[in-house]
Amino acid sequence: MVVMQDRPLATVFRQIGAGSFPPVVEVFERGKTIFFPGDPAERVYFLLKGAVKLSRVYEAGEEITVALLRENSVFGVLSLLTGQRSDRFYHAVAFTPVELLSAPIEQVEQALKDNPELSMLMLKGLSSRILQTEMMIETLAHRDMGSRLVSFLLILCRDFGVPSTDGITIDLKLSHQAIAEAIGSTRVTVTRLLGDLRQEKMISIHKKKITLHNPVALSQQFT
């Protein structure tokens, strides 16, 4: 049995099917669709670089963001969990320029059977995804758009934040339109609310990267 606890998931994923059908590296520009709802679930994806947005599109045309995946995330695994071949449930879009590894679902399924350690690594990753989805749902439950925005920024701070001299910087270039789409708002409203937060010195923005100066205080005041 191969022990994988000290090996990065990316290394393990690269070796799935090695020698027969090795994983394929794919690159997507920001805003490009990786897969649509209803597409056949034929491949599993591992995110090497960038961020991917998963959303649900409803009959009325409303699109709700359920997760923003960071590097080292695995997605497109619903068929693995259900044990049945199914169509895609989510809309997966490159939130930033991304680089992915993808492998046929049959090869990933066999690798999970052969290597229980890989199953545990993927389970940990999915657990983190579920937690973020729950937080996103809580964010969208806020009726007040200001609280919804702040909750979203705090989620990003947790998953994409890096320490800086002024606080915690979200390591993503975020357009006002992208934020608006993620929280079910409009670009005009997001621009106004971000301006209010900047005036109150809660955040600063440099080259589309948002810094939260005191995330704890922001959380206590607005959520």
C-alpha atoms as a PDB file:
ATOM      1  CA  MET A   1       0.000   0.000   0.000  1.00  0.00           C
ATOM      2  CA  VAL A   2       1.362   3.404  -0.944  1.00  0.00           C
ATOM      3  CA  VAL A   3       1.463   5.938   1.890  1.00  0.00           C
ATOM      4  CA  MET A   4       0.420   9.387   0.663  1.00  0.00           C
ATOM      5  CA  GLN A   5      -0.028  11.440   3.814  1.00  0.00           C
ATOM      6  CA  ASP A   6       3.133  13.481   3.205  1.00  0.00           C
ATOM      7  CA  ARG A   7       2.679  13.839  -0.543  1.00  0.00           C
ATOM      8  CA  PRO A   8       0.872  16.831  -2.008  1.00  0.00           C
ATOM      9  CA  LEU A   9      -2.468  15.963  -3.517  1.00  0.00           C
ATOM     10  CA  ALA A  10      -1.308  17.495  -6.809  1.00  0.00           C
ATOM     11  CA  THR A  11       1.534  14.956  -7.022  1.00  0.00           C
ATOM     12  CA  VAL A  12      -0.850  12.091  -6.336  1.00  0.00           C
ATOM     13  CA  PHE A  13      -3.351  13.388  -8.853  1.00  0.00           C
ATOM     14  CA  ARG A  14      -0.656  13.696 -11.544  1.00  0.00           C
ATOM     15  CA  GLN A  15       0.123  10.010 -11.107  1.00  0.00           C
ATOM     16  CA  ILE A  16      -3.466   8.814 -11.563  1.00  0.00           C
ATOM     17  CA  GLY A  17      -3.434   6.704 -14.694  1.00  0.00           C
ATOM     18  CA  ALA A  18       0.255   7.441 -15.296  1.00  0.00           C
ATOM     19  CA  GLY A  19       1.563   5.295 -18.120  1.00  0.00           C
ATOM     20  CA  SER A  20      -1.856   4.797 -19.718  1.00  0.00           C
ATOM     21  CA  PHE A  21      -3.915   7.992 -19.799  1.00  0.00           C
ATOM     22  CA  PRO A  22      -2.131  10.572 -17.632  1.00  0.00           C
ATOM     23  CA  PRO A  23      -4.048  13.637 -16.432  1.00  0.00           C
ATOM     24  CA  VAL A  24      -4.396  16.465 -18.935  1.00  0.00           C
ATOM     25  CA  VAL A  25      -3.316  20.023 -18.094  1.00  0.00           C
ATOM     26  CA  GLU A  26      -5.945  22.554 -19.145  1.00  0.00           C
ATOM     27  CA  VAL A  27      -5.833  26.358 -19.050  1.00  0.00           C
ATOM     28  CA  PHE A  28      -8.885  28.638 -18.922  1.00  0.00           C
ATOM     29  CA  GLU A  29      -8.997  32.419 -19.162  1.00  0.00           C
ATOM     30  CA  ARG A  30     -10.993  34.372 -16.591  1.00  0.00           C
ATOM     31  CA  GLY A  31     -14.713  34.090 -17.232  1.00  0.00           C
ATOM     32  CA  LYS A  32     -14.463  30.947 -19.376  1.00  0.00           C
ATOM     33  CA  THR A  33     -16.764  28.029 -18.594  1.00  0.00           C
ATOM     34  CA  ILE A  34     -15.152  24.762 -17.511  1.00  0.00           C
ATOM     35  CA  PHE A  35     -18.430  22.875 -17.595  1.00  0.00           C
ATOM     36  CA  PHE A  36     -22.137  23.687 -17.738  1.00  0.00           C
ATOM     37  CA  PRO A  37     -25.021  22.179 -15.736  1.00  0.00           C
ATOM     38  CA  GLY A  38     -26.249  19.160 -17.645  1.00  0.00           C
ATOM     39  CA  ASP A  39     -22.887  18.344 -19.232  1.00  0.00           C
ATOM     40  CA  PRO A  40     -21.841  14.686 -18.886  1.00  0.00           C
ATOM     41  CA  ALA A  41     -19.723  14.183 -15.770  1.00  0.00           C
ATOM     42  CA  GLU A  42     -16.818  12.463 -17.495  1.00  0.00           C
ATOM     43  CA  ARG A  43     -13.749  14.005 -15.818  1.00  0.00           C
ATOM     44  CA  VAL A  44     -12.553  15.013 -12.372  1.00  0.00           C
ATOM     45  CA  TYR A  45     -10.632  18.280 -11.968  1.00  0.00           C
ATOM     46  CA  PHE A  46      -7.773  19.346  -9.720  1.00  0.00           C
ATOM     47  CA  LEU A  47      -7.105  23.094  -9.468  1.00  0.00           C
ATOM     48  CA  LEU A  48      -3.392  23.896  -9.811  1.00  0.00           C
ATOM     49  CA  LYS A  49      -3.541  27.685 -10.099  1.00  0.00           C
ATOM     50  CA  GLY A  50      -6.196  30.352  -9.741  1.00  0.00           C
ATOM     51  CA  ALA A  51      -9.781  30.251  -8.484  1.00  0.00           C
ATOM     52  CA  VAL A  52     -12.921  28.567  -9.832  1.00  0.00           C
ATOM     53  CA  LYS A  53     -16.498  29.662  -9.165  1.00  0.00           C
ATOM     54  CA  LEU A  54     -19.213  27.043  -8.769  1.00  0.00           C
ATOM     55  CA  SER A  55     -22.788  28.229  -9.113  1.00  0.00           C
ATOM     56  CA  ARG A  56     -26.309  26.958  -9.554  1.00  0.00           C
ATOM     57  CA  VAL A  57     -28.516  28.371 -12.292  1.00  0.00           C
ATOM     58  CA  TYR A  58     -32.256  28.309 -11.594  1.00  0.00           C
ATOM     59  CA  GLU A  59     -35.209  28.263 -13.984  1.00  0.00           C
ATOM     60  CA  ALA A  60     -35.852  31.973 -13.538  1.00  0.00           C
ATOM     61  CA  GLY A  61     -32.331  32.639 -14.787  1.00  0.00           C
ATOM     62  CA  GLU A  62     -30.928  33.549 -11.367  1.00  0.00           C
ATOM     63  CA  GLU A  63     -27.396  32.316 -10.764  1.00  0.00           C
ATOM     64  CA  ILE A  64     -26.271  31.719  -7.173  1.00  0.00           C
ATOM     65  CA  THR A  65     -22.615  31.224  -6.240  1.00  0.00           C
ATOM     66  CA  VAL A  66     -22.156  28.228  -3.944  1.00  0.00           C
ATOM     67  CA  ALA A  67     -18.354  28.101  -3.717  1.00  0.00           C
ATOM     68  CA  LEU A  68     -15.120  29.761  -4.765  1.00  0.00           C
ATOM     69  CA  LEU A  69     -12.451  27.097  -5.040  1.00  0.00           C
ATOM     70  CA  ARG A  70      -8.825  27.857  -4.337  1.00  0.00           C
ATOM     71  CA  GLU A  71      -5.647  26.105  -5.448  1.00  0.00           C
ATOM     72  CA  ASN A  72      -5.350  22.414  -4.484  1.00  0.00           C
ATOM     73  CA  SER A  73      -9.122  21.883  -4.681  1.00  0.00           C
ATOM     74  CA  VAL A  74     -10.739  18.879  -6.361  1.00  0.00           C
ATOM     75  CA  PHE A  75     -14.104  19.326  -8.066  1.00  0.00           C
ATOM     76  CA  GLY A  76     -16.429  17.611 -10.498  1.00  0.00           C
ATOM     77  CA  VAL A  77     -16.716  14.555  -8.251  1.00  0.00           C
ATOM     78  CA  LEU A  78     -20.482  14.126  -7.783  1.00  0.00           C
ATOM     79  CA  SER A  79     -20.546  10.839  -9.701  1.00  0.00           C
ATOM     80  CA  LEU A  80     -17.805   9.497  -7.424  1.00  0.00           C
ATOM     81  CA  LEU A  81     -19.913  10.267  -4.369  1.00  0.00           C
ATOM     82  CA  THR A  82     -23.190   8.863  -5.688  1.00  0.00           C
ATOM     83  CA  GLY A  83     -21.683   5.832  -7.395  1.00  0.00           C
ATOM     84  CA  GLN A  84     -23.773   6.594 -10.467  1.00  0.00           C
ATOM     85  CA  ARG A  85     -22.951   8.352 -13.709  1.00  0.00           C
ATOM     86  CA  SER A  86     -24.720  11.688 -13.692  1.00  0.00           C
ATOM     87  CA  ASP A  87     -24.730  15.040 -15.441  1.00  0.00           C
ATOM     88  CA  ARG A  88     -23.060  18.140 -14.023  1.00  0.00           C
ATOM     89  CA  PHE A  89     -25.020  19.816 -11.247  1.00  0.00           C
ATOM     90  CA  TYR A  90     -23.076  23.083 -11.122  1.00  0.00           C
ATOM     91  CA  HIS A  91     -21.825  25.740 -13.528  1.00  0.00           C
ATOM     92  CA  ALA A  92     -18.024  25.883 -13.169  1.00  0.00           C
ATOM     93  CA  VAL A  93     -16.331  29.095 -14.350  1.00  0.00           C
ATOM     94  CA  ALA A  94     -12.753  30.347 -14.168  1.00  0.00           C
ATOM     95  CA  PHE A  95     -13.040  33.171 -11.621  1.00  0.00           C
ATOM     96  CA  THR A  96      -9.421  34.073 -12.399  1.00  0.00           C
ATOM     97  CA  PRO A  97      -7.102  32.624 -15.045  1.00  0.00           C
ATOM     98  CA  VAL A  98      -6.780  28.990 -14.004  1.00  0.00           C
ATOM     99  CA  GLU A  99      -4.672  25.924 -14.654  1.00  0.00           C
ATOM    100  CA  LEU A 100      -6.265  22.533 -14.080  1.00  0.00           C
ATOM    101  CA  LEU A 101      -5.398  18.871 -14.132  1.00  0.00           C
ATOM    102  CA  SER A 102      -8.214  16.651 -15.319  1.00  0.00           C
ATOM    103  CA  ALA A 103      -8.535  12.878 -15.472  1.00  0.00           C
ATOM    104  CA  PRO A 104     -11.285  10.508 -16.630  1.00  0.00           C
ATOM    105  CA  ILE A 105     -13.648   9.695 -13.801  1.00  0.00           C
ATOM    106  CA  GLU A 106     -13.056   5.938 -14.234  1.00  0.00           C
ATOM    107  CA  GLN A 107      -9.345   6.357 -13.540  1.00  0.00           C
ATOM    108  CA  VAL A 108      -9.962   8.469 -10.442  1.00  0.00           C
ATOM    109  CA  GLU A 109     -12.519   5.938  -9.223  1.00  0.00           C
ATOM    110  CA  GLN A 110     -10.017   3.107  -9.600  1.00  0.00           C
ATOM    111  CA  ALA A 111      -7.291   5.140  -7.884  1.00  0.00           C
ATOM    112  CA  LEU A 112      -9.586   5.733  -4.903  1.00  0.00           C
ATOM    113  CA  LYS A 113     -10.255   2.007  -4.648  1.00  0.00           C
ATOM    114  CA  ASP A 114      -6.561   1.184  -4.829  1.00  0.00           C
ATOM    115  CA  ASN A 115      -5.379   3.902  -2.425  1.00  0.00           C
ATOM    116  CA  PRO A 116      -7.477   4.602   0.712  1.00  0.00           C
ATOM    117  CA  GLU A 117      -5.094   7.448   1.606  1.00  0.00           C
ATOM    118  CA  LEU A 118      -6.115   9.266  -1.567  1.00  0.00           C
ATOM    119  CA  SER A 119      -9.743   8.858  -0.553  1.00  0.00           C
ATOM    120  CA  MET A 120      -9.005  10.543   2.772  1.00  0.00           C
ATOM    121  CA  LEU A 121      -7.177  13.433   1.100  1.00  0.00           C
ATOM    122  CA  MET A 122     -10.106  14.036  -1.230  1.00  0.00           C
ATOM    123  CA  LEU A 123     -12.575  13.739   1.643  1.00  0.00           C
ATOM    124  CA  LYS A 124     -10.738  16.473   3.551  1.00  0.00           C
ATOM    125  CA  GLY A 125     -10.883  18.714   0.507  1.00  0.00           C
ATOM    126  CA  LEU A 126     -14.599  18.091   0.019  1.00  0.00           C
ATOM    127  CA  SER A 127     -15.268  18.784   3.700  1.00  0.00           C
ATOM    128  CA  SER A 128     -13.698  22.218   3.327  1.00  0.00           C
ATOM    129  CA  ARG A 129     -15.811  22.815   0.204  1.00  0.00           C
ATOM    130  CA  ILE A 130     -19.011  21.881   2.041  1.00  0.00           C
ATOM    131  CA  LEU A 131     -18.152  24.278   4.865  1.00  0.00           C
ATOM    132  CA  GLN A 132     -17.600  27.108   2.403  1.00  0.00           C
ATOM    133  CA  THR A 133     -20.880  26.332   0.625  1.00  0.00           C
ATOM    134  CA  GLU A 134     -22.727  26.514   3.936  1.00  0.00           C
ATOM    135  CA  MET A 135     -21.099  29.874   4.624  1.00  0.00           C
ATOM    136  CA  MET A 136     -22.086  31.122   1.161  1.00  0.00           C
ATOM    137  CA  ILE A 137     -25.689  30.100   1.778  1.00  0.00           C
ATOM    138  CA  GLU A 138     -25.651  31.972   5.089  1.00  0.00           C
ATOM    139  CA  THR A 139     -24.219  34.997   3.280  1.00  0.00           C
ATOM    140  CA  LEU A 140     -27.011  35.015   0.708  1.00  0.00           C
ATOM    141  CA  ALA A 141     -29.586  34.708   3.490  1.00  0.00           C
ATOM    142  CA  HIS A 142     -28.760  38.249   4.595  1.00  0.00           C
ATOM    143  CA  ARG A 143     -31.434  40.619   3.352  1.00  0.00           C
ATOM    144  CA  ASP A 144     -29.232  43.637   3.938  1.00  0.00           C
ATOM    145  CA  MET A 145     -26.837  43.898   0.997  1.00  0.00           C
ATOM    146  CA  GLY A 146     -24.137  45.518   3.113  1.00  0.00           C
ATOM    147  CA  SER A 147     -24.049  42.544   5.470  1.00  0.00           C
ATOM    148  CA  ARG A 148     -24.105  40.202   2.501  1.00  0.00           C
ATOM    149  CA  LEU A 149     -21.066  41.920   1.003  1.00  0.00           C
ATOM    150  CA  VAL A 150     -19.110  41.876   4.249  1.00  0.00           C
ATOM    151  CA  SER A 151     -19.904  38.203   4.830  1.00  0.00           C
ATOM    152  CA  PHE A 152     -18.628  37.411   1.352  1.00  0.00           C
ATOM    153  CA  LEU A 153     -15.404  39.367   1.935  1.00  0.00           C
ATOM    154  CA  LEU A 154     -14.851  37.477   5.195  1.00  0.00           C
ATOM    155  CA  ILE A 155     -15.238  34.139   3.400  1.00  0.00           C
ATOM    156  CA  LEU A 156     -12.661  35.247   0.839  1.00  0.00           C
ATOM    157  CA  CYS A 157     -10.423  36.459   3.646  1.00  0.00           C
ATOM    158  CA  ARG A 158     -10.547  33.008   5.221  1.00  0.00           C
ATOM    159  CA  ASP A 159      -9.868  31.077   1.999  1.00  0.00           C
ATOM    160  CA  PHE A 160      -7.686  33.486  -0.014  1.00  0.00           C
ATOM    161  CA  GLY A 161      -6.302  35.839   2.628  1.00  0.00           C
ATOM    162  CA  VAL A 162      -2.599  36.542   3.068  1.00  0.00           C
ATOM    163  CA  PRO A 163      -1.140  38.643   5.898  1.00  0.00           C
ATOM    164  CA  SER A 164       0.002  42.138   4.934  1.00  0.00           C
ATOM    165  CA  THR A 165       1.262  45.183   6.781  1.00  0.00           C
ATOM    166  CA  ASP A 166      -2.264  46.642   6.834  1.00  0.00           C
ATOM    167  CA  GLY A 167      -4.251  43.523   7.713  1.00  0.00           C
ATOM    168  CA  ILE A 168      -5.340  40.585   5.564  1.00  0.00           C
ATOM    169  CA  THR A 169      -5.253  40.944   1.779  1.00  0.00           C
ATOM    170  CA  ILE A 170      -7.560  38.825  -0.362  1.00  0.00           C
ATOM    171  CA  ASP A 171      -5.186  37.384  -2.955  1.00  0.00           C
ATOM    172  CA  LEU A 172      -7.624  37.697  -5.855  1.00  0.00           C
ATOM    173  CA  LYS A 173      -8.176  40.512  -8.320  1.00  0.00           C
ATOM    174  CA  LEU A 174     -11.873  41.229  -7.800  1.00  0.00           C
ATOM    175  CA  SER A 175     -13.920  43.374 -10.134  1.00  0.00           C
ATOM    176  CA  HIS A 176     -17.042  45.009  -8.726  1.00  0.00           C
ATOM    177  CA  GLN A 177     -19.071  43.094 -11.300  1.00  0.00           C
ATOM    178  CA  ALA A 178     -17.645  39.742 -10.171  1.00  0.00           C
ATOM    179  CA  ILE A 179     -18.485  40.519  -6.546  1.00  0.00           C
ATOM    180  CA  ALA A 180     -21.987  41.617  -7.516  1.00  0.00           C
ATOM    181  CA  GLU A 181     -22.612  38.371  -9.396  1.00  0.00           C
ATOM    182  CA  ALA A 182     -21.349  36.331  -6.463  1.00  0.00           C
ATOM    183  CA  ILE A 183     -23.691  37.930  -3.897  1.00  0.00           C
ATOM    184  CA  GLY A 184     -26.726  38.551  -6.087  1.00  0.00           C
ATOM    185  CA  SER A 185     -26.341  42.325  -6.251  1.00  0.00           C
ATOM    186  CA  THR A 186     -25.547  44.943  -8.880  1.00  0.00           C
ATOM    187  CA  ARG A 187     -22.232  46.527  -9.771  1.00  0.00           C
ATOM    188  CA  VAL A 188     -23.524  49.977  -8.820  1.00  0.00           C
ATOM    189  CA  THR A 189     -24.576  48.787  -5.359  1.00  0.00           C
ATOM    190  CA  VAL A 190     -21.282  46.961  -4.751  1.00  0.00           C
ATOM    191  CA  THR A 191     -19.291  50.029  -5.819  1.00  0.00           C
ATOM    192  CA  ARG A 192     -21.244  52.198  -3.374  1.00  0.00           C
ATOM    193  CA  LEU A 193     -20.914  49.739  -0.485  1.00  0.00           C
ATOM    194  CA  LEU A 194     -17.191  49.228  -1.038  1.00  0.00           C
ATOM    195  CA  GLY A 195     -16.813  53.005  -1.110  1.00  0.00           C
ATOM    196  CA  ASP A 196     -18.566  53.216   2.264  1.00  0.00           C
ATOM    197  CA  LEU A 197     -16.223  50.603   3.736  1.00  0.00           C
ATOM    198  CA  ARG A 198     -13.205  52.474   2.411  1.00  0.00           C
ATOM    199  CA  GLN A 199     -14.436  55.747   3.923  1.00  0.00           C
ATOM    200  CA  GLU A 200     -14.850  53.993   7.254  1.00  0.00           C
ATOM    201  CA  LYS A 201     -11.278  52.697   6.853  1.00  0.00           C
ATOM    202  CA  MET A 202     -12.460  49.094   7.160  1.00  0.00           C
ATOM    203  CA  ILE A 203     -10.870  48.142   3.830  1.00  0.00           C
ATOM    204  CA  SER A 204      -8.508  49.431   1.190  1.00  0.00           C
ATOM    205  CA  ILE A 205      -8.245  48.418  -2.451  1.00  0.00           C
ATOM    206  CA  HIS A 206      -5.071  48.343  -4.539  1.00  0.00           C
ATOM    207  CA  LYS A 207      -4.965  46.955  -8.084  1.00  0.00           C
ATOM    208  CA  LYS A 208      -8.317  45.230  -7.523  1.00  0.00           C
ATOM    209  CA  LYS A 209      -7.048  43.406  -4.420  1.00  0.00           C
ATOM    210  CA  ILE A 210      -9.026  44.128  -1.246  1.00  0.00           C
ATOM    211  CA  THR A 211      -7.354  44.371   2.161  1.00  0.00           C
ATOM    212  CA  LEU A 212      -9.423  43.961   5.324  1.00  0.00           C
ATOM    213  CA  HIS A 213      -7.702  46.015   8.000  1.00  0.00           C
ATOM    214  CA  ASN A 214      -9.403  44.319  10.937  1.00  0.00           C
ATOM    215  CA  PRO A 215     -11.517  41.296   9.915  1.00  0.00           C
ATOM    216  CA  VAL A 216     -12.656  40.620  13.490  1.00  0.00           C
ATOM    217  CA  ALA A 217     -13.978  44.152  13.969  1.00  0.00           C
ATOM    218  CA  LEU A 218     -15.579  44.064  10.525  1.00  0.00           C
ATOM    219  CA  SER A 219     -17.331  40.829  11.388  1.00  0.00           C
ATOM    220  CA  GLN A 220     -18.624  42.170  14.707  1.00  0.00           C
ATOM    221  CA  GLN A 221     -19.913  45.372  13.193  1.00  0.00           C
ATOM    222  CA  PHE A 222     -21.588  44.197  10.004  1.00  0.00           C
ATOM    223  CA  THR A 223     -22.605  40.529  10.248  1.00  0.00           C
END
